[in-house]
PDB file of N, CA and C in Angstrom:
ATOM      1  N   MET A   1      71.152  49.541  74.206  1.00  0.00           N
ATOM      2  CA  MET A   1      72.356  49.399  73.397  1.00  0.00           C
ATOM      3  C   MET A   1      73.224  50.642  73.501  1.00  0.00           C
ATOM      4  N   ASP A   2      74.412  50.531  73.022  1.00  0.00           N
ATOM      5  CA  ASP A   2      75.367  51.624  73.020  1.00  0.00           C
ATOM      6  C   ASP A   2      74.912  52.694  72.032  1.00  0.00           C
ATOM      7  N   SER A   3      74.778  53.936  72.496  1.00  0.00           N
ATOM      8  CA  SER A   3      74.265  55.007  71.622  1.00  0.00           C
ATOM      9  C   SER A   3      75.372  55.879  71.031  1.00  0.00           C
ATOM     10  N   GLN A   4      76.615  55.509  71.243  1.00  0.00           N
ATOM     11  CA  GLN A   4      77.721  56.283  70.683  1.00  0.00           C
ATOM     12  C   GLN A   4      77.788  56.088  69.171  1.00  0.00           C
ATOM     13  N   PRO A   5      78.415  57.046  68.471  1.00  0.00           N
ATOM     14  CA  PRO A   5      78.593  56.854  67.027  1.00  0.00           C
ATOM     15  C   PRO A   5      79.460  55.628  66.755  1.00  0.00           C
ATOM     16  N   THR A   6      79.208  54.976  65.652  1.00  0.00           N
ATOM     17  CA  THR A   6      79.960  53.763  65.336  1.00  0.00           C
ATOM     18  C   THR A   6      81.291  54.099  64.677  1.00  0.00           C
ATOM     19  N   ILE A   7      82.198  53.170  64.783  1.00  0.00           N
ATOM     20  CA  ILE A   7      83.517  53.268  64.151  1.00  0.00           C
ATOM     21  C   ILE A   7      83.623  52.099  63.193  1.00  0.00           C
ATOM     22  N   ARG A   8      84.000  52.378  61.982  1.00  0.00           N
ATOM     23  CA  ARG A   8      84.094  51.336  60.975  1.00  0.00           C
ATOM     24  C   ARG A   8      85.255  50.400  61.293  1.00  0.00           C
ATOM     25  N   THR A   9      85.012  49.116  61.139  1.00  0.00           N
ATOM     26  CA  THR A   9      86.035  48.102  61.355  1.00  0.00           C
ATOM     27  C   THR A   9      85.818  46.986  60.339  1.00  0.00           C
ATOM     28  N   GLN A  10      86.689  46.022  60.349  1.00  0.00           N
ATOM     29  CA  GLN A  10      86.568  44.921  59.403  1.00  0.00           C
ATOM     30  C   GLN A  10      86.786  43.610  60.134  1.00  0.00           C
ATOM     31  N   ILE A  11      85.965  42.618  59.825  1.00  0.00           N
ATOM     32  CA  ILE A  11      86.175  41.279  60.369  1.00  0.00           C
ATOM     33  C   ILE A  11      86.108  40.284  59.222  1.00  0.00           C
ATOM     34  N   SER A  12      86.650  39.133  59.450  1.00  0.00           N
ATOM     35  CA  SER A  12      86.575  38.054  58.464  1.00  0.00           C
ATOM     36  C   SER A  12      85.719  36.945  59.040  1.00  0.00           C
ATOM     37  N   LEU A  13      84.768  36.463  58.253  1.00  0.00           N
ATOM     38  CA  LEU A  13      83.889  35.375  58.655  1.00  0.00           C
ATOM     39  C   LEU A  13      84.081  34.206  57.709  1.00  0.00           C
ATOM     40  N   THR A  14      83.923  33.015  58.224  1.00  0.00           N
ATOM     41  CA  THR A  14      83.938  31.858  57.337  1.00  0.00           C
ATOM     42  C   THR A  14      82.631  31.884  56.539  1.00  0.00           C
ATOM     43  N   PRO A  15      82.621  31.254  55.390  1.00  0.00           N
ATOM     44  CA  PRO A  15      81.379  31.230  54.602  1.00  0.00           C
ATOM     45  C   PRO A  15      80.191  30.652  55.379  1.00  0.00           C
ATOM     46  N   SER A  16      80.421  29.627  56.185  1.00  0.00           N
ATOM     47  CA  SER A  16      79.302  29.021  56.917  1.00  0.00           C
ATOM     48  C   SER A  16      78.760  29.959  58.003  1.00  0.00           C
ATOM     49  N   ILE A  17      79.634  30.691  58.679  1.00  0.00           N
ATOM     50  CA  ILE A  17      79.179  31.654  59.686  1.00  0.00           C
ATOM     51  C   ILE A  17      78.413  32.785  59.010  1.00  0.00           C
ATOM     52  N   LYS A  18      78.939  33.291  57.904  1.00  0.00           N
ATOM     53  CA  LYS A  18      78.263  34.380  57.174  1.00  0.00           C
ATOM     54  C   LYS A  18      76.884  33.934  56.712  1.00  0.00           C
ATOM     55  N   LYS A  19      76.782  32.723  56.213  1.00  0.00           N
ATOM     56  CA  LYS A  19      75.502  32.195  55.729  1.00  0.00           C
ATOM     57  C   LYS A  19      74.501  32.076  56.878  1.00  0.00           C
ATOM     58  N   ALA A  20      74.957  31.580  58.026  1.00  0.00           N
ATOM     59  CA  ALA A  20      74.084  31.435  59.197  1.00  0.00           C
ATOM     60  C   ALA A  20      73.594  32.793  59.692  1.00  0.00           C
ATOM     61  N   ILE A  21      74.500  33.774  59.726  1.00  0.00           N
ATOM     62  CA  ILE A  21      74.116  35.123  60.153  1.00  0.00           C
ATOM     63  C   ILE A  21      73.127  35.735  59.167  1.00  0.00           C
ATOM     64  N   GLU A  22      73.381  35.581  57.884  1.00  0.00           N
ATOM     65  CA  GLU A  22      72.486  36.125  56.861  1.00  0.00           C
ATOM     66  C   GLU A  22      71.073  35.567  57.030  1.00  0.00           C
ATOM     67  N   ALA A  23      70.971  34.281  57.318  1.00  0.00           N
ATOM     68  CA  ALA A  23      69.662  33.662  57.504  1.00  0.00           C
ATOM     69  C   ALA A  23      68.957  34.237  58.731  1.00  0.00           C
ATOM     70  N   LYS A  24      69.689  34.407  59.811  1.00  0.00           N
ATOM     71  CA  LYS A  24      69.105  34.942  61.042  1.00  0.00           C
ATOM     72  C   LYS A  24      68.709  36.401  60.894  1.00  0.00           C
ATOM     73  N   LYS A  25      69.579  37.195  60.287  1.00  0.00           N
ATOM     74  CA  LYS A  25      69.302  38.631  60.193  1.00  0.00           C
ATOM     75  C   LYS A  25      68.150  38.931  59.240  1.00  0.00           C
ATOM     76  N   ARG A  26      67.916  38.052  58.279  1.00  0.00           N
ATOM     77  CA  ARG A  26      66.744  38.218  57.407  1.00  0.00           C
ATOM     78  C   ARG A  26      65.453  38.158  58.215  1.00  0.00           C
ATOM     79  N   LEU A  27      65.438  37.311  59.245  1.00  0.00           N
ATOM     80  CA  LEU A  27      64.254  37.173  60.099  1.00  0.00           C
ATOM     81  C   LEU A  27      64.017  38.416  60.960  1.00  0.00           C
ATOM     82  N   THR A  28      65.105  39.071  61.354  1.00  0.00           N
ATOM     83  CA  THR A  28      64.987  40.238  62.239  1.00  0.00           C
ATOM     84  C   THR A  28      64.956  41.555  61.475  1.00  0.00           C
ATOM     85  N   GLY A  29      65.405  41.528  60.225  1.00  0.00           N
ATOM     86  CA  GLY A  29      65.459  42.754  59.443  1.00  0.00           C
ATOM     87  C   GLY A  29      66.653  43.634  59.770  1.00  0.00           C
ATOM     88  N   GLU A  30      67.577  43.111  60.553  1.00  0.00           N
ATOM     89  CA  GLU A  30      68.765  43.882  60.926  1.00  0.00           C
ATOM     90  C   GLU A  30      69.793  43.860  59.807  1.00  0.00           C
ATOM     91  N   SER A  31      70.647  44.877  59.823  1.00  0.00           N
ATOM     92  CA  SER A  31      71.790  44.852  58.922  1.00  0.00           C
ATOM     93  C   SER A  31      72.841  43.914  59.517  1.00  0.00           C
ATOM     94  N   LEU A  32      73.798  43.522  58.693  1.00  0.00           N
ATOM     95  CA  LEU A  32      74.890  42.673  59.182  1.00  0.00           C
ATOM     96  C   LEU A  32      75.621  43.375  60.317  1.00  0.00           C
ATOM     97  N   SER A  33      75.885  44.665  60.153  1.00  0.00           N
ATOM     98  CA  SER A  33      76.587  45.428  61.197  1.00  0.00           C
ATOM     99  C   SER A  33      75.800  45.440  62.497  1.00  0.00           C
ATOM    100  N   ALA A  34      74.495  45.689  62.419  1.00  0.00           N
ATOM    101  CA  ALA A  34      73.677  45.730  63.633  1.00  0.00           C
ATOM    102  C   ALA A  34      73.658  44.369  64.308  1.00  0.00           C
ATOM    103  N   TYR A  35      73.541  43.313  63.522  1.00  0.00           N
ATOM    104  CA  TYR A  35      73.522  41.959  64.064  1.00  0.00           C
ATOM    105  C   TYR A  35      74.832  41.661  64.800  1.00  0.00           C
ATOM    106  N   LEU A  36      75.956  42.006  64.181  1.00  0.00           N
ATOM    107  CA  LEU A  36      77.262  41.714  64.789  1.00  0.00           C
ATOM    108  C   LEU A  36      77.528  42.599  66.001  1.00  0.00           C
ATOM    109  N   ARG A  37      77.062  43.859  65.992  1.00  0.00           N
ATOM    110  CA  ARG A  37      77.201  44.713  67.175  1.00  0.00           C
ATOM    111  C   ARG A  37      76.432  44.105  68.350  1.00  0.00           C
ATOM    112  N   LYS A  38      75.216  43.657  68.059  1.00  0.00           N
ATOM    113  CA  LYS A  38      74.392  43.039  69.097  1.00  0.00           C
ATOM    114  C   LYS A  38      75.079  41.787  69.645  1.00  0.00           C
ATOM    115  N   ALA A  39      75.638  40.976  68.769  1.00  0.00           N
ATOM    116  CA  ALA A  39      76.345  39.764  69.190  1.00  0.00           C
ATOM    117  C   ALA A  39      77.539  40.111  70.086  1.00  0.00           C
ATOM    118  N   ALA A  40      78.258  41.166  69.722  1.00  0.00           N
ATOM    119  CA  ALA A  40      79.412  41.588  70.524  1.00  0.00           C
ATOM    120  C   ALA A  40      78.958  42.058  71.904  1.00  0.00           C
ATOM    121  N   LEU A  41      77.876  42.818  71.965  1.00  0.00           N
ATOM    122  CA  LEU A  41      77.371  43.299  73.254  1.00  0.00           C
ATOM    123  C   LEU A  41      76.908  42.149  74.136  1.00  0.00           C
ATOM    124  N   ILE A  42      76.261  41.166  73.541  1.00  0.00           N
ATOM    125  CA  ILE A  42      75.813  39.997  74.292  1.00  0.00           C
ATOM    126  C   ILE A  42      77.016  39.250  74.862  1.00  0.00           C
ATOM    127  N   ARG A  43      78.032  39.090  74.053  1.00  0.00           N
ATOM    128  CA  ARG A  43      79.240  38.394  74.525  1.00  0.00           C
ATOM    129  C   ARG A  43      79.917  39.168  75.649  1.00  0.00           C
ATOM    130  N   LEU A  44      80.041  40.490  75.488  1.00  0.00           N
ATOM    131  CA  LEU A  44      80.667  41.314  76.524  1.00  0.00           C
ATOM    132  C   LEU A  44      79.895  41.225  77.841  1.00  0.00           C
ATOM    133  N   ALA A  45      78.576  41.284  77.760  1.00  0.00           N
ATOM    134  CA  ALA A  45      77.750  41.196  78.968  1.00  0.00           C
ATOM    135  C   ALA A  45      77.914  39.831  79.630  1.00  0.00           C
ATOM    136  N   GLY A  46      77.946  38.778  78.825  1.00  0.00           N
ATOM    137  CA  GLY A  46      78.133  37.433  79.361  1.00  0.00           C
ATOM    138  C   GLY A  46      79.469  37.259  80.052  1.00  0.00           C
ATOM    139  N   GLU A  47      80.516  37.795  79.446  1.00  0.00           N
ATOM    140  CA  GLU A  47      81.843  37.688  80.045  1.00  0.00           C
ATOM    141  C   GLU A  47      81.940  38.509  81.330  1.00  0.00           C
ATOM    142  N   GLU A  48      81.274  39.657  81.354  1.00  0.00           N
ATOM    143  CA  GLU A  48      81.263  40.477  82.565  1.00  0.00           C
ATOM    144  C   GLU A  48      80.548  39.742  83.693  1.00  0.00           C
ATOM    145  N   GLU A  49      79.426  39.118  83.388  1.00  0.00           N
ATOM    146  CA  GLU A  49      78.676  38.360  84.395  1.00  0.00           C
ATOM    147  C   GLU A  49      79.488  37.153  84.872  1.00  0.00           C
ATOM    148  N   GLU A  50      80.187  36.486  83.952  1.00  0.00           N
ATOM    149  CA  GLU A  50      81.025  35.344  84.327  1.00  0.00           C
ATOM    150  C   GLU A  50      82.145  35.790  85.266  1.00  0.00           C
ATOM    151  N   GLU A  51      82.741  36.948  84.980  1.00  0.00           N
ATOM    152  CA  GLU A  51      83.807  37.463  85.838  1.00  0.00           C
ATOM    153  C   GLU A  51      83.271  37.758  87.239  1.00  0.00           C
ATOM    154  N   LYS A  52      82.086  38.349  87.327  1.00  0.00           N
ATOM    155  CA  LYS A  52      81.478  38.623  88.632  1.00  0.00           C
ATOM    156  C   LYS A  52      81.217  37.322  89.379  1.00  0.00           C
ATOM    157  N   GLU A  53      80.715  36.318  88.669  1.00  0.00           N
ATOM    158  CA  GLU A  53      80.420  35.031  89.296  1.00  0.00           C
ATOM    159  C   GLU A  53      81.701  34.361  89.794  1.00  0.00           C
ATOM    160  N   LEU A  54      82.778  34.443  89.028  1.00  0.00           N
ATOM    161  CA  LEU A  54      84.052  33.861  89.465  1.00  0.00           C
ATOM    162  C   LEU A  54      84.579  34.572  90.704  1.00  0.00           C
ATOM    163  N   LYS A  55      84.404  35.890  90.772  1.00  0.00           N
ATOM    164  CA  LYS A  55      84.831  36.629  91.966  1.00  0.00           C
ATOM    165  C   LYS A  55      84.002  36.232  93.173  1.00  0.00           C
ATOM    166  N   ARG A  56      82.665  36.060  92.970  1.00  0.00           N
ATOM    167  CA  ARG A  56      81.807  35.612  94.072  1.00  0.00           C
ATOM    168  C   ARG A  56      82.241  34.227  94.551  1.00  0.00           C
ATOM    169  N   LEU A  57      82.554  33.358  93.610  1.00  0.00           N
ATOM    170  CA  LEU A  57      82.992  32.009  93.955  1.00  0.00           C
ATOM    171  C   LEU A  57      84.303  32.052  94.736  1.00  0.00           C
ATOM    172  N   ALA A  58      85.246  32.847  94.277  1.00  0.00           N
ATOM    173  CA  ALA A  58      86.537  32.954  94.962  1.00  0.00           C
ATOM    174  C   ALA A  58      86.370  33.502  96.374  1.00  0.00           C
ATOM    175  N   ASN A  59      85.474  34.456  96.538  1.00  0.00           N
ATOM    176  CA  ASN A  59      85.256  35.033  97.863  1.00  0.00           C
ATOM    177  C   ASN A  59      84.539  34.090  98.810  1.00  0.00           C
ATOM    178  N   SER A  60      83.835  33.112  98.286  1.00  0.00           N
ATOM    179  CA  SER A  60      83.146  32.166  99.157  1.00  0.00           C
ATOM    180  C   SER A  60      83.952  30.897  99.386  1.00  0.00           C
ATOM    181  N   PHE A  61      85.104  30.786  98.751  1.00  0.00           N
ATOM    182  CA  PHE A  61      85.944  29.605  98.873  1.00  0.00           C
ATOM    183  C   PHE A  61      86.539  29.527 100.283  1.00  0.00           C
ATOM    184  N   VAL A  62      86.784  28.318 100.748  1.00  0.00           N
ATOM    185  CA  VAL A  62      87.335  28.111 102.087  1.00  0.00           C
ATOM    186  C   VAL A  62      88.589  28.951 102.289  1.00  0.00           C
ATOM    187  N   GLY A  63      88.614  29.699 103.371  1.00  0.00           N
ATOM    188  CA  GLY A  63      89.776  30.514 103.708  1.00  0.00           C
ATOM    189  C   GLY A  63      89.708  31.915 103.162  1.00  0.00           C
ATOM    190  N   ALA A  64      88.710  32.225 102.384  1.00  0.00           N
ATOM    191  CA  ALA A  64      88.593  33.548 101.795  1.00  0.00           C
ATOM    192  C   ALA A  64      87.386  34.263 102.394  1.00  0.00           C
ATOM    193  N   GLY A  65      87.347  35.548 102.176  1.00  0.00           N
ATOM    194  CA  GLY A  65      86.171  36.329 102.544  1.00  0.00           C
ATOM    195  C   GLY A  65      85.800  36.247 104.009  1.00  0.00           C
ATOM    196  N   LYS A  66      84.504  36.068 104.288  1.00  0.00           N
ATOM    197  CA  LYS A  66      83.977  36.122 105.645  1.00  0.00           C
ATOM    198  C   LYS A  66      84.538  35.050 106.561  1.00  0.00           C
ATOM    199  N   TRP A  67      84.812  33.854 106.025  1.00  0.00           N
ATOM    200  CA  TRP A  67      85.299  32.778 106.875  1.00  0.00           C
ATOM    201  C   TRP A  67      86.683  33.065 107.439  1.00  0.00           C
ATOM    202  N   LYS A  68      87.444  33.850 106.764  1.00  0.00           N
ATOM    203  CA  LYS A  68      88.792  34.181 107.220  1.00  0.00           C
ATOM    204  C   LYS A  68      88.731  34.845 108.595  1.00  0.00           C
ATOM    205  N   LYS A  69      87.668  35.604 108.843  1.00  0.00           N
ATOM    206  CA  LYS A  69      87.547  36.313 110.114  1.00  0.00           C
ATOM    207  C   LYS A  69      86.955  35.442 111.211  1.00  0.00           C
ATOM    208  N   THR A  70      86.207  34.408 110.842  1.00  0.00           N
ATOM    209  CA  THR A  70      85.497  33.622 111.856  1.00  0.00           C
ATOM    210  C   THR A  70      86.111  32.253 112.130  1.00  0.00           C
ATOM    211  N   HIS A  71      86.909  31.731 111.223  1.00  0.00           N
ATOM    212  CA  HIS A  71      87.493  30.403 111.426  1.00  0.00           C
ATOM    213  C   HIS A  71      88.654  30.500 112.420  1.00  0.00           C
ATOM    214  N   PRO A  72      88.701  29.604 113.416  1.00  0.00           N
ATOM    215  CA  PRO A  72      89.734  29.708 114.454  1.00  0.00           C
ATOM    216  C   PRO A  72      91.163  29.494 113.957  1.00  0.00           C
ATOM    217  N   ASN A  73      91.320  28.862 112.799  1.00  0.00           N
ATOM    218  CA  ASN A  73      92.675  28.570 112.324  1.00  0.00           C
ATOM    219  C   ASN A  73      93.124  29.457 111.165  1.00  0.00           C
ATOM    220  N   TRP A  74      92.303  30.411 110.764  1.00  0.00           N
ATOM    221  CA  TRP A  74      92.664  31.237 109.616  1.00  0.00           C
ATOM    222  C   TRP A  74      92.874  32.701 109.983  1.00  0.00           C
ATOM    223  N   GLY A  75      93.038  32.991 111.249  1.00  0.00           N
ATOM    224  CA  GLY A  75      93.163  34.379 111.696  1.00  0.00           C
ATOM    225  C   GLY A  75      94.409  35.071 111.186  1.00  0.00           C
ATOM    226  N   ASN A  76      95.503  34.313 111.059  1.00  0.00           N
ATOM    227  CA  ASN A  76      96.752  34.889 110.542  1.00  0.00           C
ATOM    228  C   ASN A  76      97.536  33.789 109.830  1.00  0.00           C
ATOM    229  N   LYS A  77      98.599  34.182 109.198  1.00  0.00           N
ATOM    230  CA  LYS A  77      99.362  33.242 108.371  1.00  0.00           C
ATOM    231  C   LYS A  77      99.935  32.091 109.207  1.00  0.00           C
ATOM    232  N   LYS A  78     100.426  32.409 110.404  1.00  0.00           N
ATOM    233  CA  LYS A  78     101.051  31.387 111.244  1.00  0.00           C
ATOM    234  C   LYS A  78     100.032  30.333 111.690  1.00  0.00           C
ATOM    235  N   SER A  79      98.862  30.768 112.129  1.00  0.00           N
ATOM    236  CA  SER A  79      97.855  29.795 112.570  1.00  0.00           C
ATOM    237  C   SER A  79      97.329  28.977 111.398  1.00  0.00           C
ATOM    238  N   ALA A  80      97.205  29.583 110.243  1.00  0.00           N
ATOM    239  CA  ALA A  80      96.762  28.850 109.057  1.00  0.00           C
ATOM    240  C   ALA A  80      97.793  27.803 108.656  1.00  0.00           C
ATOM    241  N   GLN A  81      99.082  28.148 108.754  1.00  0.00           N
ATOM    242  CA  GLN A  81     100.149  27.202 108.411  1.00  0.00           C
ATOM    243  C   GLN A  81     100.153  26.012 109.371  1.00  0.00           C
ATOM    244  N   LYS A  82      99.974  26.276 110.666  1.00  0.00           N
ATOM    245  CA  LYS A  82      99.923  25.187 111.648  1.00  0.00           C
ATOM    246  C   LYS A  82      98.736  24.272 111.375  1.00  0.00           C
ATOM    247  N   TRP A  83      97.587  24.858 111.059  1.00  0.00           N
ATOM    248  CA  TRP A  83      96.388  24.081 110.744  1.00  0.00           C
ATOM    249  C   TRP A  83      96.631  23.199 109.525  1.00  0.00           C
ATOM    250  N   LEU A  84      97.259  23.765 108.495  1.00  0.00           N
ATOM    251  CA  LEU A  84      97.563  23.019 107.286  1.00  0.00           C
ATOM    252  C   LEU A  84      98.517  21.865 107.579  1.00  0.00           C
ATOM    253  N   GLU A  85      99.536  22.093 108.397  1.00  0.00           N
ATOM    254  CA  GLU A  85     100.478  21.033 108.758  1.00  0.00           C
ATOM    255  C   GLU A  85      99.767  19.900 109.512  1.00  0.00           C
ATOM    256  N   ARG A  86      98.842  20.254 110.427  1.00  0.00           N
ATOM    257  CA  ARG A  86      98.069  19.220 111.156  1.00  0.00           C
ATOM    258  C   ARG A  86      97.248  18.377 110.176  1.00  0.00           C
ATOM    259  N   LEU A  87      96.620  19.040 109.223  1.00  0.00           N
ATOM    260  CA  LEU A  87      95.824  18.307 108.226  1.00  0.00           C
ATOM    261  C   LEU A  87      96.701  17.366 107.412  1.00  0.00           C
ATOM    262  N   ARG A  88      97.843  17.844 106.988  1.00  0.00           N
ATOM    263  CA  ARG A  88      98.753  17.004 106.194  1.00  0.00           C
ATOM    264  C   ARG A  88      99.255  15.823 107.001  1.00  0.00           C
ATOM    265  N   ASN A  89      99.533  16.036 108.282  1.00  0.00           N
ATOM    266  CA  ASN A  89     100.016  14.939 109.138  1.00  0.00           C
ATOM    267  C   ASN A  89      98.961  13.878 109.331  1.00  0.00           C
ATOM    268  N   GLU A  90      97.682  14.283 109.330  1.00  0.00           N
ATOM    269  CA  GLU A  90      96.603  13.306 109.463  1.00  0.00           C
ATOM    270  C   GLU A  90      96.549  12.349 108.271  1.00  0.00           C
ATOM    271  N   TRP A  91      97.035  12.779 107.126  1.00  0.00           N
ATOM    272  CA  TRP A  91      96.982  11.962 105.913  1.00  0.00           C
ATOM    273  C   TRP A  91      98.205  11.050 105.757  1.00  0.00           C
ATOM    274  N   LYS A  92      99.163  11.181 106.667  1.00  0.00           N
ATOM    275  CA  LYS A  92     100.364  10.343 106.568  1.00  0.00           C
ATOM    276  C   LYS A  92     100.105   8.964 107.102  1.00  0.00           C
TER     277      LYS A  92
END
């Protein structure tokens, strides 16, 4: 976990969310602040992993990343445009 000193902040919770958190934190013995800090860290880590996964997906998409160098029609903008026009003409 983050070992830096904490900074006081304020959040608003609905009564049902507060009640659910209170029930969970009683089982762990954590304070409300500790529980919410942990929840924030979990969310941040999840979003960071999702961003990495989206970048991996984008780099593996057709025309991106490694295939751009090896595909015969994606070497430069002009050849890619000609390839795209041929594909579109096939659908006419």
